[in-house]
Amino acid sequence: MRQGLDKMSVLKAAAELADQEGFEQLSLASLAKKLQIRTPSLYNHVHGLPGLKKELACYALRKLKETLAEAVIGKSGDEALHSIGVAYVSFVRQHPGLYEATMGAPDPLDSDIQAAGNEIVALLLRVLEPYRLDRENALHTVRGLRSIVHGFATLELKKGFNMNLDTDETLKHILNTYLAGLRTKFH
């Protein structure tokens, strides 16, 4: 085992590889090569490729939550939700493979993955508190926002916006329209 190698350094290296080459291309052999170790040495830190992909999904969800939490510091209401939408899309732009890990875990119903995802939901529910929504409407709102930013980021990632039109302006327009609908419906 290489000196100083731990699970976090393995995950960071895996995240870099996923961002550079794509999550689906990630293999134990490519990770071992990047870390300059033999492939069997990875088993000291992860349980095979499925274990690596699960750990990477959890890591990605925690990093996404940190990014979203940082985006809302000192903000509330529409400004906070708009910042979350922009931060979400920026995260995907900066970490396409890592983001893909959040969707590509071997078992999305795994309790660790669920817990990491639930932390993001809890953060969004706190941000929604000023809107005074009941829990069910708040959860629908979280799903709606996630659908918007995930769909936008995924389309952008797959080169789905082939017009000569600023995608940041499009995102701003979509988020403002969603927020206006939220204000109209619940105020």
C-alpha atoms as a PDB file:
ATOM      1  CA  MET A   1       0.000   0.000   0.000  1.00  0.00           C
ATOM      2  CA  ARG A   2       1.378   3.395  -1.018  1.00  0.00           C
ATOM      3  CA  GLN A   3       2.320   5.670   1.867  1.00  0.00           C
ATOM      4  CA  GLY A   4      -0.368   8.254   2.630  1.00  0.00           C
ATOM      5  CA  LEU A   5      -3.032   6.598   0.496  1.00  0.00           C
ATOM      6  CA  ASP A   6      -6.433   6.554   2.179  1.00  0.00           C
ATOM      7  CA  LYS A   7     -10.047   6.246   1.123  1.00  0.00           C
ATOM      8  CA  MET A   8     -10.441  10.008   0.603  1.00  0.00           C
ATOM      9  CA  SER A   9      -7.406  10.247  -1.690  1.00  0.00           C
ATOM     10  CA  VAL A  10      -8.745   7.254  -3.638  1.00  0.00           C
ATOM     11  CA  LEU A  11     -12.152   8.961  -3.990  1.00  0.00           C
ATOM     12  CA  LYS A  12     -10.612  12.269  -5.057  1.00  0.00           C
ATOM     13  CA  ALA A  13      -8.530  10.509  -7.708  1.00  0.00           C
ATOM     14  CA  ALA A  14     -11.611   8.577  -8.876  1.00  0.00           C
ATOM     15  CA  ALA A  15     -13.574  11.843  -9.076  1.00  0.00           C
ATOM     16  CA  GLU A  16     -10.842  13.423 -11.208  1.00  0.00           C
ATOM     17  CA  LEU A  17     -10.832  10.420 -13.535  1.00  0.00           C
ATOM     18  CA  ALA A  18     -14.618  10.436 -13.799  1.00  0.00           C
ATOM     19  CA  ASP A  19     -14.595  14.151 -14.648  1.00  0.00           C
ATOM     20  CA  GLN A  20     -11.867  13.708 -17.262  1.00  0.00           C
ATOM     21  CA  GLU A  21     -12.970  10.462 -18.894  1.00  0.00           C
ATOM     22  CA  GLY A  22     -16.585   9.975 -17.840  1.00  0.00           C
ATOM     23  CA  PHE A  23     -18.099   7.994 -15.003  1.00  0.00           C
ATOM     24  CA  GLU A  24     -18.852   4.986 -17.195  1.00  0.00           C
ATOM     25  CA  GLN A  25     -15.194   4.755 -18.226  1.00  0.00           C
ATOM     26  CA  LEU A  26     -14.023   4.564 -14.607  1.00  0.00           C
ATOM     27  CA  SER A  27     -12.314   1.281 -13.812  1.00  0.00           C
ATOM     28  CA  LEU A  28     -10.168  -0.059 -11.017  1.00  0.00           C
ATOM     29  CA  ALA A  29      -7.299  -0.463 -13.468  1.00  0.00           C
ATOM     30  CA  SER A  30      -7.442   3.169 -14.614  1.00  0.00           C
ATOM     31  CA  LEU A  31      -7.697   4.360 -11.013  1.00  0.00           C
ATOM     32  CA  ALA A  32      -4.772   2.209  -9.910  1.00  0.00           C
ATOM     33  CA  LYS A  33      -2.712   3.560 -12.800  1.00  0.00           C
ATOM     34  CA  LYS A  34      -3.550   7.147 -11.826  1.00  0.00           C
ATOM     35  CA  LEU A  35      -2.585   6.436  -8.206  1.00  0.00           C
ATOM     36  CA  GLN A  36       0.544   4.554  -9.330  1.00  0.00           C
ATOM     37  CA  ILE A  37      -0.391   1.440  -7.406  1.00  0.00           C
ATOM     38  CA  ARG A  38      -1.343  -2.096  -8.326  1.00  0.00           C
ATOM     39  CA  THR A  39      -5.048  -2.723  -8.819  1.00  0.00           C
ATOM     40  CA  PRO A  40      -5.363  -5.222  -5.905  1.00  0.00           C
ATOM     41  CA  SER A  41      -4.166  -2.472  -3.534  1.00  0.00           C
ATOM     42  CA  LEU A  42      -7.432  -0.613  -4.144  1.00  0.00           C
ATOM     43  CA  TYR A  43      -9.289  -3.358  -2.280  1.00  0.00           C
ATOM     44  CA  ASN A  44      -7.746  -1.970   0.918  1.00  0.00           C
ATOM     45  CA  HIS A  45      -9.943   1.113   0.409  1.00  0.00           C
ATOM     46  CA  VAL A  46     -13.002   0.088  -1.628  1.00  0.00           C
ATOM     47  CA  HIS A  47     -15.004  -3.081  -2.221  1.00  0.00           C
ATOM     48  CA  GLY A  48     -14.374  -3.556  -5.913  1.00  0.00           C
ATOM     49  CA  LEU A  49     -15.842  -1.446  -8.690  1.00  0.00           C
ATOM     50  CA  PRO A  50     -19.390  -1.513  -7.239  1.00  0.00           C
ATOM     51  CA  GLY A  51     -17.994  -0.346  -3.887  1.00  0.00           C
ATOM     52  CA  LEU A  52     -16.003   2.397  -5.587  1.00  0.00           C
ATOM     53  CA  LYS A  53     -19.053   3.591  -7.515  1.00  0.00           C
ATOM     54  CA  LYS A  54     -21.168   3.614  -4.349  1.00  0.00           C
ATOM     55  CA  GLU A  55     -18.529   5.530  -2.394  1.00  0.00           C
ATOM     56  CA  LEU A  56     -18.100   7.938  -5.293  1.00  0.00           C
ATOM     57  CA  ALA A  57     -21.868   8.552  -5.442  1.00  0.00           C
ATOM     58  CA  CYS A  58     -21.912   9.368  -1.714  1.00  0.00           C
ATOM     59  CA  TYR A  59     -18.861  11.596  -2.110  1.00  0.00           C
ATOM     60  CA  ALA A  60     -20.495  13.383  -5.054  1.00  0.00           C
ATOM     61  CA  LEU A  61     -23.721  13.988  -3.148  1.00  0.00           C
ATOM     62  CA  ARG A  62     -21.798  15.396  -0.168  1.00  0.00           C
ATOM     63  CA  LYS A  63     -19.785  17.678  -2.472  1.00  0.00           C
ATOM     64  CA  LEU A  64     -22.984  18.823  -4.196  1.00  0.00           C
ATOM     65  CA  LYS A  65     -24.585  19.575  -0.829  1.00  0.00           C
ATOM     66  CA  GLU A  66     -21.520  21.587   0.246  1.00  0.00           C
ATOM     67  CA  THR A  67     -21.688  23.552  -2.999  1.00  0.00           C
ATOM     68  CA  LEU A  68     -25.392  24.301  -2.556  1.00  0.00           C
ATOM     69  CA  ALA A  69     -24.969  25.225   1.117  1.00  0.00           C
ATOM     70  CA  GLU A  70     -22.169  27.661   0.251  1.00  0.00           C
ATOM     71  CA  ALA A  71     -24.358  29.218  -2.438  1.00  0.00           C
ATOM     72  CA  VAL A  72     -27.089  30.192   0.042  1.00  0.00           C
ATOM     73  CA  ILE A  73     -24.965  31.698   2.790  1.00  0.00           C
ATOM     74  CA  GLY A  74     -26.454  35.087   3.632  1.00  0.00           C
ATOM     75  CA  LYS A  75     -29.372  34.653   1.229  1.00  0.00           C
ATOM     76  CA  SER A  76     -33.020  33.727   1.598  1.00  0.00           C
ATOM     77  CA  GLY A  77     -36.174  33.374  -0.452  1.00  0.00           C
ATOM     78  CA  ASP A  78     -35.947  33.800  -4.207  1.00  0.00           C
ATOM     79  CA  GLU A  79     -32.309  34.880  -4.060  1.00  0.00           C
ATOM     80  CA  ALA A  80     -31.347  31.685  -2.218  1.00  0.00           C
ATOM     81  CA  LEU A  81     -33.291  29.412  -4.565  1.00  0.00           C
ATOM     82  CA  HIS A  82     -31.870  31.154  -7.619  1.00  0.00           C
ATOM     83  CA  SER A  83     -28.351  30.749  -6.193  1.00  0.00           C
ATOM     84  CA  ILE A  84     -29.000  27.071  -5.581  1.00  0.00           C
ATOM     85  CA  GLY A  85     -30.101  26.575  -9.187  1.00  0.00           C
ATOM     86  CA  VAL A  86     -27.021  28.326 -10.553  1.00  0.00           C
ATOM     87  CA  ALA A  87     -24.709  26.490  -8.126  1.00  0.00           C
ATOM     88  CA  TYR A  88     -26.214  23.138  -9.090  1.00  0.00           C
ATOM     89  CA  VAL A  89     -25.629  23.713 -12.805  1.00  0.00           C
ATOM     90  CA  SER A  90     -22.126  25.073 -12.113  1.00  0.00           C
ATOM     91  CA  PHE A  91     -21.319  21.925 -10.122  1.00  0.00           C
ATOM     92  CA  VAL A  92     -22.329  19.762 -13.084  1.00  0.00           C
ATOM     93  CA  ARG A  93     -20.282  21.918 -15.456  1.00  0.00           C
ATOM     94  CA  GLN A  94     -17.197  21.600 -13.256  1.00  0.00           C
ATOM     95  CA  HIS A  95     -17.680  17.953 -12.283  1.00  0.00           C
ATOM     96  CA  PRO A  96     -19.567  16.146 -15.063  1.00  0.00           C
ATOM     97  CA  GLY A  97     -18.281  12.677 -14.192  1.00  0.00           C
ATOM     98  CA  LEU A  98     -18.695  13.160 -10.473  1.00  0.00           C
ATOM     99  CA  TYR A  99     -22.247  14.360 -11.027  1.00  0.00           C
ATOM    100  CA  GLU A 100     -22.903  11.341 -13.226  1.00  0.00           C
ATOM    101  CA  ALA A 101     -21.867   9.207 -10.238  1.00  0.00           C
ATOM    102  CA  THR A 102     -24.912  10.487  -8.356  1.00  0.00           C
ATOM    103  CA  MET A 103     -27.097   8.837 -11.001  1.00  0.00           C
ATOM    104  CA  GLY A 104     -24.910   5.806 -11.693  1.00  0.00           C
ATOM    105  CA  ALA A 105     -24.559   4.176  -8.297  1.00  0.00           C
ATOM    106  CA  PRO A 106     -24.994   0.390  -8.384  1.00  0.00           C
ATOM    107  CA  ASP A 107     -27.935   0.634  -5.947  1.00  0.00           C
ATOM    108  CA  PRO A 108     -29.603   4.062  -5.730  1.00  0.00           C
ATOM    109  CA  LEU A 109     -31.698   2.751  -2.821  1.00  0.00           C
ATOM    110  CA  ASP A 110     -28.580   1.996  -0.759  1.00  0.00           C
ATOM    111  CA  SER A 111     -29.018   3.529   2.716  1.00  0.00           C
ATOM    112  CA  ASP A 112     -25.758   5.540   2.533  1.00  0.00           C
ATOM    113  CA  ILE A 113     -26.711   7.024  -0.831  1.00  0.00           C
ATOM    114  CA  GLN A 114     -30.219   7.742   0.407  1.00  0.00           C
ATOM    115  CA  ALA A 115     -28.826   9.480   3.501  1.00  0.00           C
ATOM    116  CA  ALA A 116     -26.518  11.673   1.423  1.00  0.00           C
ATOM    117  CA  GLY A 117     -29.372  12.585  -0.930  1.00  0.00           C
ATOM    118  CA  ASN A 118     -31.681  13.291   1.992  1.00  0.00           C
ATOM    119  CA  GLU A 119     -29.184  15.841   3.318  1.00  0.00           C
ATOM    120  CA  ILE A 120     -29.626  17.822   0.102  1.00  0.00           C
ATOM    121  CA  VAL A 121     -33.411  17.593   0.416  1.00  0.00           C
ATOM    122  CA  ALA A 122     -33.197  18.766   4.045  1.00  0.00           C
ATOM    123  CA  LEU A 123     -31.080  21.749   2.980  1.00  0.00           C
ATOM    124  CA  LEU A 124     -33.583  22.693   0.284  1.00  0.00           C
ATOM    125  CA  LEU A 125     -36.492  22.343   2.714  1.00  0.00           C
ATOM    126  CA  ARG A 126     -34.753  24.771   5.085  1.00  0.00           C
ATOM    127  CA  VAL A 127     -34.234  27.219   2.228  1.00  0.00           C
ATOM    128  CA  LEU A 128     -37.946  26.942   1.403  1.00  0.00           C
ATOM    129  CA  GLU A 129     -39.067  27.782   4.969  1.00  0.00           C
ATOM    130  CA  PRO A 130     -39.735  31.487   4.186  1.00  0.00           C
ATOM    131  CA  TYR A 131     -42.384  30.361   1.687  1.00  0.00           C
ATOM    132  CA  ARG A 132     -44.344  28.692   4.514  1.00  0.00           C
ATOM    133  CA  LEU A 133     -45.263  25.658   2.436  1.00  0.00           C
ATOM    134  CA  ASP A 134     -46.687  22.554   4.029  1.00  0.00           C
ATOM    135  CA  ARG A 135     -44.319  19.581   3.831  1.00  0.00           C
ATOM    136  CA  GLU A 136     -45.964  17.986   0.802  1.00  0.00           C
ATOM    137  CA  ASN A 137     -45.899  21.191  -1.269  1.00  0.00           C
ATOM    138  CA  ALA A 138     -42.338  21.873  -0.147  1.00  0.00           C
ATOM    139  CA  LEU A 139     -41.284  18.411  -1.351  1.00  0.00           C
ATOM    140  CA  HIS A 140     -43.068  18.960  -4.683  1.00  0.00           C
ATOM    141  CA  THR A 141     -41.184  22.259  -4.978  1.00  0.00           C
ATOM    142  CA  VAL A 142     -37.857  20.553  -4.265  1.00  0.00           C
ATOM    143  CA  ARG A 143     -38.612  17.939  -6.915  1.00  0.00           C
ATOM    144  CA  GLY A 144     -39.563  20.656  -9.386  1.00  0.00           C
ATOM    145  CA  LEU A 145     -36.377  22.620  -8.804  1.00  0.00           C
ATOM    146  CA  ARG A 146     -34.261  19.480  -9.053  1.00  0.00           C
ATOM    147  CA  SER A 147     -36.004  18.498 -12.276  1.00  0.00           C
ATOM    148  CA  ILE A 148     -35.305  21.911 -13.769  1.00  0.00           C
ATOM    149  CA  VAL A 149     -31.633  22.099 -12.877  1.00  0.00           C
ATOM    150  CA  HIS A 150     -30.908  18.426 -13.544  1.00  0.00           C
ATOM    151  CA  GLY A 151     -32.645  18.579 -16.910  1.00  0.00           C
ATOM    152  CA  PHE A 152     -30.912  21.803 -17.866  1.00  0.00           C
ATOM    153  CA  ALA A 153     -27.475  20.593 -16.759  1.00  0.00           C
ATOM    154  CA  THR A 154     -27.898  17.227 -18.466  1.00  0.00           C
ATOM    155  CA  LEU A 155     -29.034  18.770 -21.747  1.00  0.00           C
ATOM    156  CA  GLU A 156     -26.134  21.202 -21.631  1.00  0.00           C
ATOM    157  CA  LEU A 157     -23.686  18.405 -20.849  1.00  0.00           C
ATOM    158  CA  LYS A 158     -24.934  16.361 -23.800  1.00  0.00           C
ATOM    159  CA  LYS A 159     -24.633  19.409 -26.097  1.00  0.00           C
ATOM    160  CA  GLY A 160     -28.422  19.681 -26.349  1.00  0.00           C
ATOM    161  CA  PHE A 161     -28.447  23.480 -26.660  1.00  0.00           C
ATOM    162  CA  ASN A 162     -27.118  24.094 -30.151  1.00  0.00           C
ATOM    163  CA  MET A 163     -28.325  27.651 -30.629  1.00  0.00           C
ATOM    164  CA  ASN A 164     -26.233  30.760 -30.480  1.00  0.00           C
ATOM    165  CA  LEU A 165     -27.946  31.826 -27.252  1.00  0.00           C
ATOM    166  CA  ASP A 166     -26.321  32.367 -23.843  1.00  0.00           C
ATOM    167  CA  THR A 167     -27.114  29.320 -21.689  1.00  0.00           C
ATOM    168  CA  ASP A 168     -26.575  31.296 -18.465  1.00  0.00           C
ATOM    169  CA  GLU A 169     -29.340  33.665 -19.583  1.00  0.00           C
ATOM    170  CA  THR A 170     -31.555  30.692 -20.385  1.00  0.00           C
ATOM    171  CA  LEU A 171     -30.952  29.248 -16.915  1.00  0.00           C
ATOM    172  CA  LYS A 172     -31.697  32.612 -15.306  1.00  0.00           C
ATOM    173  CA  HIS A 173     -34.918  32.860 -17.337  1.00  0.00           C
ATOM    174  CA  ILE A 174     -36.040  29.349 -16.350  1.00  0.00           C
ATOM    175  CA  LEU A 175     -35.282  29.879 -12.648  1.00  0.00           C
ATOM    176  CA  ASN A 176     -37.002  33.281 -12.585  1.00  0.00           C
ATOM    177  CA  THR A 177     -40.077  31.788 -14.267  1.00  0.00           C
ATOM    178  CA  TYR A 178     -40.189  28.930 -11.747  1.00  0.00           C
ATOM    179  CA  LEU A 179     -39.786  31.316  -8.829  1.00  0.00           C
ATOM    180  CA  ALA A 180     -42.512  33.615 -10.181  1.00  0.00           C
ATOM    181  CA  GLY A 181     -44.816  30.616 -10.395  1.00  0.00           C
ATOM    182  CA  LEU A 182     -43.916  29.643  -6.839  1.00  0.00           C
ATOM    183  CA  ARG A 183     -44.689  33.147  -5.562  1.00  0.00           C
ATOM    184  CA  THR A 184     -47.988  33.247  -7.464  1.00  0.00           C
ATOM    185  CA  LYS A 185     -49.146  29.850  -6.273  1.00  0.00           C
ATOM    186  CA  PHE A 186     -48.263  30.209  -2.604  1.00  0.00           C
ATOM    187  CA  HIS A 187     -48.565  33.911  -1.803  1.00  0.00           C
END
